[in-house]
Amino acid sequence: MADSSGTPDSFADNPDVPGNKKRFVPLENNPEVMTSLLHRLGLSQTLSFHDVYSITDADLLAFVPRPSYALLLVFPVSSTYEKFRRAEDSSLSDYDGSGPNEPVMWFKQTIGNACGLIGLLHGASNGPVKGFITPGSDLAVLLEQAIPLAPLKRADLLYESKALESAHASAAAKGDTSAPDAEEKVDLHYVCFAKADDGALWELDGRRKGPLRRGGLGDEEDVLSERALELGVRAFLKREEGAGGGELRFSLVSLGRSFD
């Protein structure tokens, strides 16, 4: 979430949502909460989020339904992560993609404490998951409206969406713990990894300058495949471990077929 009320000198130096913008109550890091939000918006009940308890133990990975269409990595923003993000973003131009031929749908975050929502939208609006959205639902209408828009206009669409705000408020009230206040600063951040229509693994984060193509995947490789993990989640963890920042705190959830 990592929000800030300061005025950034540049987006690469401070990409956070200004304190005078609308803020949501943070979502609990809970697969059932995430699933309920997307189901309410119009994602088919046949898909759900599932905890991923290990990315190295084959026995534990076997419990996760495959294919995995998207991963949400949840982690506290560290100085190591910020250093890497600033270095990578400083060499990139602001993304300006739009239209039906866009390989990936990306949303810039302009709502405080909404990185969880942005991550869920990234997972639901890319690759095969689009085929599991109920026609005419709030999610279907939102994505149809978003496709032709440039990133800033697309962000405005989310900002003004009453359906999104209502679904988010309902989901934020659920979970196993008491929901924090909307004004509370939360250090956990959500990043989505999805396999898009071009067959590549994309890192999707509304706090960045745009979508990040991390590499191509084979036809049979999903986002929990060995190659996808090496390009995405494991690359992140290796940077954190290499910096010697102490205990690594992160969690991972996968979007795939429901158990029921």
Protein backbone atom coordinates (compact mmCIF):
# COMPACT_ATOMS: atom_id res chain seq x y z
CA MET A 1 0.00 0.00 0.00
CA ALA A 2 2.83 2.32 1.01
CA ASP A 3 0.97 5.61 0.68
CA SER A 4 2.52 9.02 1.16
CA SER A 5 1.18 12.51 1.65
CA GLY A 6 4.28 14.21 0.30
CA THR A 7 4.64 15.83 -3.11
CA PRO A 8 6.95 13.70 -5.28
CA ASP A 9 9.81 15.27 -7.20
CA SER A 10 9.28 12.56 -9.82
CA PHE A 11 7.22 9.42 -10.11
CA ALA A 12 10.33 7.23 -9.87
CA ASP A 13 11.30 8.89 -6.57
CA ASN A 14 7.83 8.67 -5.01
CA PRO A 15 5.06 6.78 -6.81
CA ASP A 16 2.67 6.74 -3.86
CA VAL A 17 -0.86 8.10 -3.79
CA PRO A 18 -0.97 11.68 -2.37
CA GLY A 19 -2.66 12.04 0.99
CA ASN A 20 -5.45 14.23 -0.40
CA LYS A 21 -6.78 11.45 -2.66
CA LYS A 22 -9.61 9.03 -1.86
CA ARG A 23 -8.58 6.15 0.40
CA PHE A 24 -10.06 2.70 0.96
CA VAL A 25 -9.99 0.48 4.02
CA PRO A 26 -7.14 -1.98 3.30
CA LEU A 27 -8.10 -5.50 2.26
CA GLU A 28 -7.10 -8.34 4.54
CA ASN A 29 -4.49 -10.61 3.01
CA ASN A 30 -6.93 -13.51 2.81
CA PRO A 31 -7.85 -15.64 -0.25
CA GLU A 32 -11.50 -15.86 0.78
CA VAL A 33 -11.77 -12.07 1.04
CA MET A 34 -10.10 -11.61 -2.35
CA THR A 35 -12.34 -14.21 -3.94
CA SER A 36 -15.49 -12.68 -2.51
CA LEU A 37 -14.61 -9.28 -3.97
CA LEU A 38 -14.09 -10.59 -7.50
CA HIS A 39 -17.16 -12.84 -7.33
CA ARG A 40 -19.27 -9.86 -6.32
CA LEU A 41 -17.93 -7.88 -9.27
CA GLY A 42 -18.70 -10.67 -11.73
CA LEU A 43 -15.94 -13.28 -11.85
CA SER A 44 -17.26 -16.81 -12.27
CA GLN A 45 -17.66 -18.90 -9.12
CA THR A 46 -15.54 -21.55 -10.84
CA LEU A 47 -12.40 -19.51 -10.07
CA SER A 48 -11.01 -18.70 -6.62
CA PHE A 49 -7.81 -17.64 -4.90
CA HIS A 50 -5.74 -20.22 -3.04
CA ASP A 51 -2.83 -19.94 -0.61
CA VAL A 52 0.55 -21.03 -1.97
CA TYR A 53 2.49 -22.37 1.01
CA SER A 54 5.75 -23.08 -0.80
CA ILE A 55 7.40 -22.35 -4.15
CA THR A 56 10.06 -25.04 -3.66
CA ASP A 57 8.23 -28.02 -2.11
CA ALA A 58 6.59 -30.06 -4.88
CA ASP A 59 4.24 -31.79 -2.43
CA LEU A 60 2.85 -28.48 -1.17
CA LEU A 61 2.63 -27.03 -4.67
CA ALA A 62 0.57 -30.05 -5.69
CA PHE A 63 -2.29 -28.79 -3.51
CA VAL A 64 -2.67 -25.63 -5.65
CA PRO A 65 -5.14 -26.00 -8.54
CA ARG A 66 -3.51 -25.77 -11.96
CA PRO A 67 -3.27 -23.99 -14.23
CA SER A 68 -2.57 -20.97 -12.10
CA TYR A 69 -3.75 -17.91 -14.02
CA ALA A 70 -2.32 -15.20 -11.76
CA LEU A 71 -0.24 -14.82 -8.61
CA LEU A 72 -0.55 -12.10 -6.00
CA LEU A 73 2.65 -11.51 -4.06
CA VAL A 74 2.07 -9.64 -0.80
CA PHE A 75 5.08 -8.17 1.01
CA PRO A 76 6.24 -5.23 3.15
CA VAL A 77 7.96 -2.55 1.09
CA SER A 78 11.65 -2.69 2.02
CA SER A 79 14.57 -0.38 1.29
CA THR A 80 15.95 -3.10 -1.01
CA TYR A 81 12.74 -3.22 -3.00
CA GLU A 82 12.55 0.57 -3.23
CA LYS A 83 16.15 0.82 -4.42
CA PHE A 84 15.50 -1.73 -7.17
CA ARG A 85 12.19 -0.11 -8.16
CA ARG A 86 13.70 3.37 -8.42
CA ALA A 87 16.62 2.09 -10.50
CA GLU A 88 14.39 0.16 -12.89
CA ASP A 89 11.72 2.85 -13.21
CA SER A 90 14.26 5.64 -13.79
CA SER A 91 15.12 4.12 -17.18
CA LEU A 92 11.50 3.62 -18.25
CA SER A 93 9.01 5.95 -19.90
CA ASP A 94 5.49 6.31 -18.56
CA TYR A 95 3.31 3.63 -20.12
CA ASP A 96 0.75 4.96 -22.59
CA GLY A 97 -0.79 1.78 -24.00
CA SER A 98 -4.49 1.34 -24.69
CA GLY A 99 -6.89 -0.37 -27.08
CA PRO A 100 -7.89 -3.93 -27.98
CA ASN A 101 -4.42 -4.87 -29.25
CA GLU A 102 -2.74 -4.05 -25.95
CA PRO A 103 -0.95 -7.26 -24.83
CA VAL A 104 -1.77 -6.63 -21.19
CA MET A 105 -4.27 -4.58 -19.20
CA TRP A 106 -2.58 -2.33 -16.63
CA PHE A 107 -4.10 0.01 -14.05
CA LYS A 108 -2.28 2.89 -12.38
CA GLN A 109 -3.18 3.20 -8.69
CA THR A 110 -4.64 6.58 -7.68
CA ILE A 111 -6.70 5.42 -4.65
CA GLY A 112 -4.98 5.16 -1.29
CA ASN A 113 -4.72 1.69 0.31
CA ALA A 114 -6.08 0.10 -2.88
CA CYS A 115 -3.07 -1.89 -4.04
CA GLY A 116 -4.91 -5.10 -3.11
CA LEU A 117 -7.85 -4.12 -5.30
CA ILE A 118 -5.53 -3.13 -8.15
CA GLY A 119 -3.75 -6.49 -7.87
CA LEU A 120 -7.06 -8.34 -8.03
CA LEU A 121 -8.14 -6.37 -11.10
CA HIS A 122 -4.84 -7.13 -12.80
CA GLY A 123 -5.35 -10.83 -12.15
CA ALA A 124 -8.94 -10.79 -13.43
CA SER A 125 -8.40 -8.70 -16.55
CA ASN A 126 -5.55 -10.53 -18.26
CA GLY A 127 -5.09 -13.82 -20.07
CA PRO A 128 -7.66 -16.64 -19.93
CA VAL A 129 -9.36 -15.23 -16.82
CA LYS A 130 -11.20 -12.74 -19.02
CA GLY A 131 -13.22 -15.66 -20.34
CA PHE A 132 -14.53 -16.35 -16.81
CA ILE A 133 -16.15 -12.93 -16.36
CA THR A 134 -19.95 -12.90 -16.43
CA PRO A 135 -21.23 -10.83 -19.40
CA GLY A 136 -22.98 -7.65 -18.32
CA SER A 137 -21.52 -7.78 -14.79
CA ASP A 138 -19.89 -4.76 -13.13
CA LEU A 139 -16.47 -6.23 -13.91
CA ALA A 140 -17.32 -6.89 -17.56
CA VAL A 141 -18.65 -3.36 -18.03
CA LEU A 142 -15.65 -1.82 -16.27
CA LEU A 143 -13.13 -3.67 -18.43
CA GLU A 144 -15.06 -2.88 -21.61
CA GLN A 145 -14.94 0.80 -20.71
CA ALA A 146 -11.25 0.60 -19.73
CA ILE A 147 -9.91 -0.99 -22.93
CA PRO A 148 -9.88 2.15 -25.15
CA LEU A 149 -8.64 4.48 -22.40
CA ALA A 150 -5.09 5.73 -21.84
CA PRO A 151 -3.66 4.90 -18.38
CA LEU A 152 -4.60 8.15 -16.61
CA LYS A 153 -8.16 8.05 -17.95
CA ARG A 154 -8.31 4.38 -17.01
CA ALA A 155 -7.23 5.27 -13.47
CA ASP A 156 -9.96 7.93 -13.35
CA LEU A 157 -12.50 5.28 -14.35
CA LEU A 158 -11.55 3.16 -11.33
CA TYR A 159 -11.46 6.20 -9.06
CA GLU A 160 -15.03 7.17 -9.96
CA SER A 161 -16.49 3.64 -10.01
CA LYS A 162 -19.22 3.23 -7.38
CA ALA A 163 -19.42 -0.50 -8.11
CA LEU A 164 -15.74 -0.95 -7.28
CA GLU A 165 -16.00 1.15 -4.13
CA SER A 166 -19.03 -0.79 -2.91
CA ALA A 167 -17.51 -4.22 -3.63
CA HIS A 168 -14.25 -3.20 -1.97
CA ALA A 169 -16.02 -1.89 1.15
CA SER A 170 -17.99 -5.12 1.46
CA ALA A 171 -14.86 -7.28 1.14
CA ALA A 172 -12.80 -5.11 3.50
CA ALA A 173 -15.39 -5.67 6.23
CA LYS A 174 -14.83 -9.43 6.03
CA GLY A 175 -11.87 -11.49 7.16
CA ASP A 176 -10.41 -12.90 10.35
CA THR A 177 -9.10 -9.63 11.82
CA SER A 178 -10.56 -6.20 12.51
CA ALA A 179 -10.25 -3.94 9.48
CA PRO A 180 -7.90 -0.96 9.95
CA ASP A 181 -9.05 2.59 9.38
CA ALA A 182 -8.91 3.94 5.82
CA GLU A 183 -6.46 6.64 6.95
CA GLU A 184 -4.08 4.12 8.47
CA LYS A 185 -0.78 3.65 6.65
CA VAL A 186 -0.15 0.01 5.84
CA ASP A 187 3.26 -1.23 4.74
CA LEU A 188 2.04 -4.33 2.88
CA HIS A 189 2.03 -4.10 -0.91
CA TYR A 190 0.41 -6.33 -3.56
CA VAL A 191 2.01 -7.17 -6.92
CA CYS A 192 0.37 -9.36 -9.55
CA PHE A 193 2.13 -11.76 -11.94
CA ALA A 194 -0.01 -12.86 -14.87
CA LYS A 195 0.42 -14.67 -18.17
CA ALA A 196 -1.07 -12.33 -20.74
CA ASP A 197 -2.42 -12.84 -24.25
CA ASP A 198 1.08 -12.63 -25.75
CA GLY A 199 2.19 -15.67 -23.72
CA ALA A 200 4.58 -13.66 -21.57
CA LEU A 201 4.83 -13.27 -17.81
CA TRP A 202 4.00 -9.71 -16.80
CA GLU A 203 4.56 -8.01 -13.46
CA LEU A 204 1.59 -5.72 -12.84
CA ASP A 205 1.83 -3.08 -10.14
CA GLY A 206 -0.16 0.17 -10.07
CA ARG A 207 2.73 1.77 -8.23
CA ARG A 208 5.11 1.39 -11.17
CA LYS A 209 5.40 3.36 -14.44
CA GLY A 210 3.62 0.63 -16.33
CA PRO A 211 3.43 -3.13 -16.85
CA LEU A 212 6.74 -5.00 -16.81
CA ARG A 213 7.34 -7.88 -19.22
CA ARG A 214 9.52 -10.37 -17.37
CA GLY A 215 9.90 -12.97 -20.13
CA GLY A 216 8.18 -15.41 -22.44
CA LEU A 217 6.49 -18.61 -21.27
CA GLY A 218 5.74 -21.79 -23.17
CA ASP A 219 2.21 -22.77 -24.11
CA GLU A 220 2.00 -25.27 -21.24
CA GLU A 221 3.72 -23.04 -18.65
CA ASP A 222 1.48 -21.26 -16.17
CA VAL A 223 2.50 -18.64 -13.60
CA LEU A 224 3.49 -21.34 -11.10
CA SER A 225 5.77 -23.10 -13.58
CA GLU A 226 9.49 -23.23 -12.82
CA ARG A 227 10.32 -20.64 -15.47
CA ALA A 228 7.59 -18.24 -14.33
CA LEU A 229 8.70 -18.50 -10.71
CA GLU A 230 12.32 -17.84 -11.67
CA LEU A 231 11.32 -14.79 -13.72
CA GLY A 232 8.94 -13.42 -11.10
CA VAL A 233 8.55 -14.36 -7.45
CA ARG A 234 11.93 -16.03 -6.94
CA ALA A 235 13.74 -13.11 -8.58
CA PHE A 236 12.10 -10.82 -6.03
CA LEU A 237 13.02 -13.08 -3.11
CA LYS A 238 16.62 -13.46 -4.28
CA ARG A 239 17.06 -9.67 -4.31
CA GLU A 240 15.72 -9.41 -0.77
CA GLU A 241 17.84 -12.32 0.48
CA GLY A 242 20.95 -10.95 -1.23
CA ALA A 243 20.56 -7.63 0.56
CA GLY A 244 20.65 -9.39 3.93
CA GLY A 245 17.62 -7.53 5.19
CA GLY A 246 16.75 -10.14 7.81
CA GLU A 247 13.56 -12.19 7.95
CA LEU A 248 11.63 -12.35 4.69
CA ARG A 249 7.93 -11.72 5.23
CA PHE A 250 5.78 -12.44 2.22
CA SER A 251 2.75 -14.44 1.17
CA LEU A 252 1.54 -15.72 -2.15
CA VAL A 253 -1.93 -16.56 -3.47
CA SER A 254 -2.87 -18.14 -6.78
CA LEU A 255 -5.96 -17.60 -8.93
CA GLY A 256 -7.21 -20.91 -10.32
CA ARG A 257 -10.10 -23.35 -10.37
CA SER A 258 -12.30 -23.49 -7.28
CA PHE A 259 -12.24 -26.64 -5.16
CA ASP A 260 -16.04 -26.80 -4.92
